[in-house]
């Protein structure tokens, strides 16, 4: 289980207060963020955060394995906007809300 947060952070909701679908969606976002950067600290944080979501999930591990493969596939898709940025964090949010990910959850 996760360790207690400092007193100042107690206003944050417990990870266990989320629905299984929300937990899965947040896992996808966190896992994806760990894949879009070369910053070792951010990779470590994103992976630890994804692990925290996994810890409170009751979904089978195979669901997360399928989602991980979908994240890798979807990260290869180009995403452009009105300015020349990579939009990788936005891409992670969109991946987490995609039909592909939602269908993996629903199976």
N, C-alpha and C. Protein backbone atom coordinates (compact mmCIF):
# COMPACT_ATOMS: atom_id res chain seq x y z
N UNK A 1 0.83 -1.18 0.00
CA UNK A 1 0.00 0.00 0.00
C UNK A 1 0.87 1.25 0.00
N UNK A 2 0.27 2.34 -0.43
CA UNK A 2 0.99 3.61 -0.45
C UNK A 2 1.16 4.11 0.98
N UNK A 3 2.25 4.82 1.20
CA UNK A 3 2.48 5.41 2.52
C UNK A 3 1.61 6.65 2.67
N UNK A 4 1.44 7.09 3.88
CA UNK A 4 0.61 8.27 4.15
C UNK A 4 1.24 9.51 3.55
N UNK A 5 0.37 10.39 3.09
CA UNK A 5 0.83 11.66 2.56
C UNK A 5 1.05 12.64 3.71
N UNK A 6 1.89 13.66 3.50
CA UNK A 6 2.07 14.68 4.54
C UNK A 6 0.73 15.32 4.89
N UNK A 7 0.65 15.89 6.08
CA UNK A 7 -0.60 16.49 6.57
C UNK A 7 -1.17 17.52 5.60
N UNK A 8 -0.33 18.30 4.97
CA UNK A 8 -0.80 19.34 4.05
C UNK A 8 -1.51 18.75 2.84
N UNK A 9 -1.17 17.53 2.49
CA UNK A 9 -1.75 16.90 1.31
C UNK A 9 -2.97 16.05 1.62
N UNK A 10 -3.39 15.98 2.84
CA UNK A 10 -4.51 15.14 3.24
C UNK A 10 -5.82 15.52 2.55
N UNK A 11 -5.91 16.72 2.00
CA UNK A 11 -7.13 17.12 1.31
C UNK A 11 -7.30 16.38 -0.02
N UNK A 12 -6.26 15.72 -0.46
CA UNK A 12 -6.33 14.96 -1.71
C UNK A 12 -7.13 13.69 -1.48
N UNK A 13 -7.88 13.25 -2.49
CA UNK A 13 -8.66 12.01 -2.32
C UNK A 13 -7.75 10.79 -2.27
N UNK A 14 -8.21 9.76 -1.61
CA UNK A 14 -7.49 8.49 -1.57
C UNK A 14 -7.60 7.82 -2.94
N UNK A 15 -6.56 7.15 -3.38
CA UNK A 15 -6.63 6.46 -4.67
C UNK A 15 -7.75 5.42 -4.69
N UNK A 16 -8.04 4.85 -3.54
CA UNK A 16 -9.08 3.82 -3.47
C UNK A 16 -10.49 4.40 -3.61
N UNK A 17 -10.63 5.72 -3.61
CA UNK A 17 -11.96 6.34 -3.73
C UNK A 17 -12.43 6.45 -5.18
N UNK A 18 -11.58 6.10 -6.12
CA UNK A 18 -11.92 6.20 -7.53
C UNK A 18 -12.58 4.92 -8.02
N UNK A 19 -13.38 5.03 -9.08
CA UNK A 19 -13.97 3.84 -9.69
C UNK A 19 -12.87 3.05 -10.39
N UNK A 20 -13.14 1.80 -10.69
CA UNK A 20 -12.15 0.98 -11.40
C UNK A 20 -11.83 1.58 -12.77
N UNK A 21 -12.82 2.13 -13.44
CA UNK A 21 -12.56 2.75 -14.74
C UNK A 21 -11.67 3.98 -14.60
N UNK A 22 -11.91 4.80 -13.58
CA UNK A 22 -11.07 5.98 -13.34
C UNK A 22 -9.64 5.55 -12.99
N UNK A 23 -9.52 4.53 -12.18
CA UNK A 23 -8.20 4.00 -11.81
C UNK A 23 -7.45 3.56 -13.06
N UNK A 24 -8.13 2.82 -13.92
CA UNK A 24 -7.52 2.35 -15.16
C UNK A 24 -7.10 3.52 -16.05
N UNK A 25 -7.97 4.50 -16.20
CA UNK A 25 -7.67 5.67 -17.02
C UNK A 25 -6.46 6.43 -16.48
N UNK A 26 -6.40 6.61 -15.18
CA UNK A 26 -5.25 7.32 -14.59
C UNK A 26 -3.98 6.49 -14.72
N UNK A 27 -4.09 5.16 -14.62
CA UNK A 27 -2.93 4.30 -14.84
C UNK A 27 -2.40 4.52 -16.26
N UNK A 28 -3.30 4.53 -17.24
CA UNK A 28 -2.90 4.72 -18.64
C UNK A 28 -2.19 6.07 -18.80
N UNK A 29 -2.75 7.13 -18.24
CA UNK A 29 -2.12 8.45 -18.33
C UNK A 29 -0.73 8.44 -17.72
N UNK A 30 -0.60 7.89 -16.52
CA UNK A 30 0.69 7.88 -15.83
C UNK A 30 1.71 7.02 -16.56
N UNK A 31 1.28 5.86 -17.02
CA UNK A 31 2.17 4.95 -17.75
C UNK A 31 2.66 5.62 -19.03
N UNK A 32 1.73 6.28 -19.71
CA UNK A 32 2.06 6.97 -20.96
C UNK A 32 3.07 8.09 -20.71
N UNK A 33 2.86 8.87 -19.67
CA UNK A 33 3.78 9.98 -19.37
C UNK A 33 5.20 9.45 -19.13
N UNK A 34 5.32 8.28 -18.52
CA UNK A 34 6.62 7.68 -18.31
C UNK A 34 7.32 7.28 -19.60
N UNK A 35 6.56 7.17 -20.68
CA UNK A 35 7.11 6.75 -21.97
C UNK A 35 7.44 7.93 -22.90
N UNK A 36 7.03 9.15 -22.53
CA UNK A 36 7.20 10.28 -23.46
C UNK A 36 8.38 11.17 -23.13
N UNK A 37 9.12 10.82 -22.12
CA UNK A 37 10.21 11.69 -21.68
C UNK A 37 11.50 10.90 -21.54
N UNK A 38 12.60 11.62 -21.56
CA UNK A 38 13.90 11.01 -21.27
C UNK A 38 14.37 11.41 -19.88
N UNK A 39 13.60 12.27 -19.21
CA UNK A 39 13.94 12.73 -17.87
C UNK A 39 13.77 11.58 -16.87
N UNK A 40 14.88 11.10 -16.32
CA UNK A 40 14.85 9.93 -15.45
C UNK A 40 13.97 10.14 -14.22
N UNK A 41 13.97 11.33 -13.68
CA UNK A 41 13.16 11.63 -12.51
C UNK A 41 11.66 11.55 -12.85
N UNK A 42 11.28 12.10 -13.99
CA UNK A 42 9.88 12.05 -14.40
C UNK A 42 9.47 10.62 -14.75
N UNK A 43 10.34 9.88 -15.40
CA UNK A 43 10.05 8.48 -15.72
C UNK A 43 9.80 7.71 -14.43
N UNK A 44 10.68 7.88 -13.46
CA UNK A 44 10.54 7.20 -12.18
C UNK A 44 9.24 7.58 -11.48
N UNK A 45 8.93 8.87 -11.47
CA UNK A 45 7.70 9.35 -10.83
C UNK A 45 6.47 8.80 -11.54
N UNK A 46 6.45 8.86 -12.86
CA UNK A 46 5.30 8.37 -13.62
C UNK A 46 5.10 6.87 -13.42
N UNK A 47 6.20 6.11 -13.42
CA UNK A 47 6.09 4.67 -13.21
C UNK A 47 5.64 4.34 -11.80
N UNK A 48 6.13 5.07 -10.81
CA UNK A 48 5.68 4.86 -9.43
C UNK A 48 4.21 5.23 -9.27
N UNK A 49 3.80 6.29 -9.94
CA UNK A 49 2.40 6.70 -9.90
C UNK A 49 1.50 5.66 -10.56
N UNK A 50 1.93 5.14 -11.71
CA UNK A 50 1.17 4.08 -12.37
C UNK A 50 1.09 2.85 -11.47
N UNK A 51 2.17 2.53 -10.79
CA UNK A 51 2.17 1.38 -9.88
C UNK A 51 1.19 1.58 -8.73
N UNK A 52 1.06 2.82 -8.25
CA UNK A 52 0.10 3.11 -7.18
C UNK A 52 -1.32 2.86 -7.66
N UNK A 53 -1.63 3.26 -8.90
CA UNK A 53 -2.96 2.99 -9.45
C UNK A 53 -3.17 1.49 -9.62
N UNK A 54 -2.16 0.80 -10.10
CA UNK A 54 -2.26 -0.65 -10.29
C UNK A 54 -2.54 -1.35 -8.97
N UNK A 55 -1.93 -0.86 -7.93
CA UNK A 55 -2.08 -1.45 -6.60
C UNK A 55 -3.52 -1.42 -6.10
N UNK A 56 -4.28 -0.40 -6.45
CA UNK A 56 -5.67 -0.30 -5.98
C UNK A 56 -6.67 -0.82 -7.00
N UNK A 57 -6.18 -1.35 -8.10
CA UNK A 57 -7.07 -1.87 -9.13
C UNK A 57 -7.41 -3.33 -8.85
N UNK A 58 -8.60 -3.71 -9.27
CA UNK A 58 -9.00 -5.12 -9.16
C UNK A 58 -9.07 -5.77 -10.54
N UNK A 59 -8.59 -5.06 -11.56
CA UNK A 59 -8.60 -5.59 -12.92
C UNK A 59 -7.48 -6.62 -13.09
N UNK A 60 -7.68 -7.58 -13.98
CA UNK A 60 -6.61 -8.56 -14.25
C UNK A 60 -5.40 -7.88 -14.90
N UNK A 61 -4.24 -8.40 -14.62
CA UNK A 61 -2.99 -7.82 -15.14
C UNK A 61 -2.98 -7.81 -16.67
N UNK A 62 -3.68 -8.75 -17.30
CA UNK A 62 -3.71 -8.81 -18.76
C UNK A 62 -4.32 -7.54 -19.36
N UNK A 63 -5.25 -6.92 -18.66
CA UNK A 63 -5.85 -5.67 -19.14
C UNK A 63 -4.78 -4.58 -19.23
N UNK A 64 -3.92 -4.53 -18.24
CA UNK A 64 -2.85 -3.53 -18.23
C UNK A 64 -1.80 -3.84 -19.29
N UNK A 65 -1.53 -5.11 -19.52
CA UNK A 65 -0.58 -5.49 -20.57
C UNK A 65 -1.09 -5.07 -21.94
N UNK A 66 -2.39 -5.29 -22.20
CA UNK A 66 -2.98 -4.88 -23.47
C UNK A 66 -2.97 -3.36 -23.60
N UNK A 67 -3.27 -2.67 -22.53
CA UNK A 67 -3.26 -1.20 -22.55
C UNK A 67 -1.85 -0.68 -22.80
N UNK A 68 -0.86 -1.32 -22.21
CA UNK A 68 0.53 -0.90 -22.40
C UNK A 68 0.92 -1.00 -23.87
N UNK A 69 0.51 -2.08 -24.52
CA UNK A 69 0.79 -2.24 -25.95
C UNK A 69 0.05 -1.18 -26.76
N UNK A 70 -1.18 -0.86 -26.38
CA UNK A 70 -1.95 0.18 -27.07
C UNK A 70 -1.30 1.55 -26.90
N UNK A 71 -0.78 1.82 -25.71
CA UNK A 71 -0.08 3.09 -25.48
C UNK A 71 1.10 3.20 -26.44
N UNK A 72 1.91 2.15 -26.52
CA UNK A 72 3.07 2.16 -27.42
C UNK A 72 2.65 2.43 -28.86
N UNK A 73 1.59 1.76 -29.30
CA UNK A 73 1.09 1.93 -30.67
C UNK A 73 0.58 3.35 -30.89
N UNK A 74 -0.24 3.84 -29.96
CA UNK A 74 -0.85 5.15 -30.13
C UNK A 74 0.14 6.31 -29.99
N UNK A 75 1.21 6.11 -29.25
CA UNK A 75 2.23 7.17 -29.14
C UNK A 75 2.93 7.42 -30.47
N UNK A 76 2.88 6.45 -31.37
CA UNK A 76 3.51 6.61 -32.68
C UNK A 76 2.67 7.47 -33.62
N UNK A 77 1.40 7.67 -33.27
CA UNK A 77 0.51 8.48 -34.11
C UNK A 77 0.88 9.96 -33.98
N UNK A 78 0.95 10.67 -35.10
CA UNK A 78 1.28 12.09 -35.03
C UNK A 78 0.13 12.90 -34.43
N UNK A 79 0.46 13.94 -33.70
CA UNK A 79 -0.52 14.87 -33.16
C UNK A 79 0.04 16.26 -33.37
N UNK A 80 -0.68 17.07 -34.09
CA UNK A 80 -0.21 18.42 -34.37
C UNK A 80 -1.24 19.44 -33.91
N UNK A 81 -0.77 20.64 -33.72
CA UNK A 81 -1.64 21.73 -33.31
C UNK A 81 -1.27 22.99 -34.06
N UNK A 82 -1.75 24.10 -33.57
CA UNK A 82 -1.50 25.38 -34.24
C UNK A 82 -0.07 25.88 -34.05
N UNK A 83 0.64 25.30 -33.08
CA UNK A 83 2.04 25.65 -32.86
C UNK A 83 2.89 24.39 -32.96
N UNK A 84 4.19 24.57 -33.06
CA UNK A 84 5.09 23.44 -33.28
C UNK A 84 5.60 22.87 -31.96
N UNK A 85 4.74 22.16 -31.27
CA UNK A 85 5.10 21.46 -30.04
C UNK A 85 4.86 19.98 -30.26
N UNK A 86 5.39 19.17 -29.38
CA UNK A 86 5.19 17.73 -29.51
C UNK A 86 3.83 17.28 -28.97
N UNK A 87 3.25 18.02 -28.03
CA UNK A 87 1.94 17.70 -27.45
C UNK A 87 1.88 16.29 -26.86
N UNK A 88 3.00 15.81 -26.35
CA UNK A 88 3.02 14.44 -25.84
C UNK A 88 2.15 14.23 -24.61
N UNK A 89 2.10 15.20 -23.69
CA UNK A 89 1.24 15.05 -22.51
C UNK A 89 -0.22 15.05 -22.94
N UNK A 90 -0.56 15.94 -23.86
CA UNK A 90 -1.92 15.95 -24.41
C UNK A 90 -2.23 14.60 -25.07
N UNK A 91 -1.26 14.08 -25.80
CA UNK A 91 -1.44 12.79 -26.46
C UNK A 91 -1.74 11.71 -25.42
N UNK A 92 -1.06 11.74 -24.29
CA UNK A 92 -1.32 10.75 -23.23
C UNK A 92 -2.75 10.88 -22.69
N UNK A 93 -3.22 12.11 -22.53
CA UNK A 93 -4.59 12.32 -22.07
C UNK A 93 -5.58 11.77 -23.10
N UNK A 94 -5.32 12.04 -24.37
CA UNK A 94 -6.20 11.56 -25.43
C UNK A 94 -6.16 10.04 -25.55
N UNK A 95 -4.99 9.46 -25.41
CA UNK A 95 -4.87 8.00 -25.44
C UNK A 95 -5.70 7.39 -24.32
N UNK A 96 -5.60 7.95 -23.12
CA UNK A 96 -6.33 7.41 -21.97
C UNK A 96 -7.84 7.46 -22.18
N UNK A 97 -8.30 8.40 -22.99
CA UNK A 97 -9.74 8.55 -23.25
C UNK A 97 -10.17 7.93 -24.58
N UNK A 98 -9.24 7.27 -25.26
CA UNK A 98 -9.52 6.76 -26.60
C UNK A 98 -10.46 5.55 -26.58
N UNK A 99 -11.10 5.32 -27.72
CA UNK A 99 -11.96 4.14 -27.87
C UNK A 99 -11.15 2.86 -27.68
N UNK A 100 -9.93 2.87 -28.18
CA UNK A 100 -9.05 1.70 -28.06
C UNK A 100 -8.87 1.31 -26.59
N UNK A 101 -8.51 2.27 -25.76
CA UNK A 101 -8.29 2.01 -24.33
C UNK A 101 -9.60 1.66 -23.64
N UNK A 102 -10.67 2.37 -23.98
CA UNK A 102 -11.96 2.09 -23.34
C UNK A 102 -12.47 0.71 -23.71
N UNK A 103 -12.19 0.25 -24.93
CA UNK A 103 -12.61 -1.10 -25.31
C UNK A 103 -11.79 -2.16 -24.58
N UNK A 104 -10.53 -1.88 -24.32
CA UNK A 104 -9.72 -2.81 -23.53
C UNK A 104 -10.30 -2.93 -22.13
N UNK A 105 -10.69 -1.80 -21.55
CA UNK A 105 -11.29 -1.82 -20.21
C UNK A 105 -12.60 -2.59 -20.20
N UNK A 106 -13.40 -2.42 -21.24
CA UNK A 106 -14.74 -3.00 -21.28
C UNK A 106 -14.77 -4.50 -21.52
N UNK A 107 -13.68 -5.07 -22.01
CA UNK A 107 -13.67 -6.51 -22.33
C UNK A 107 -13.60 -7.36 -21.09
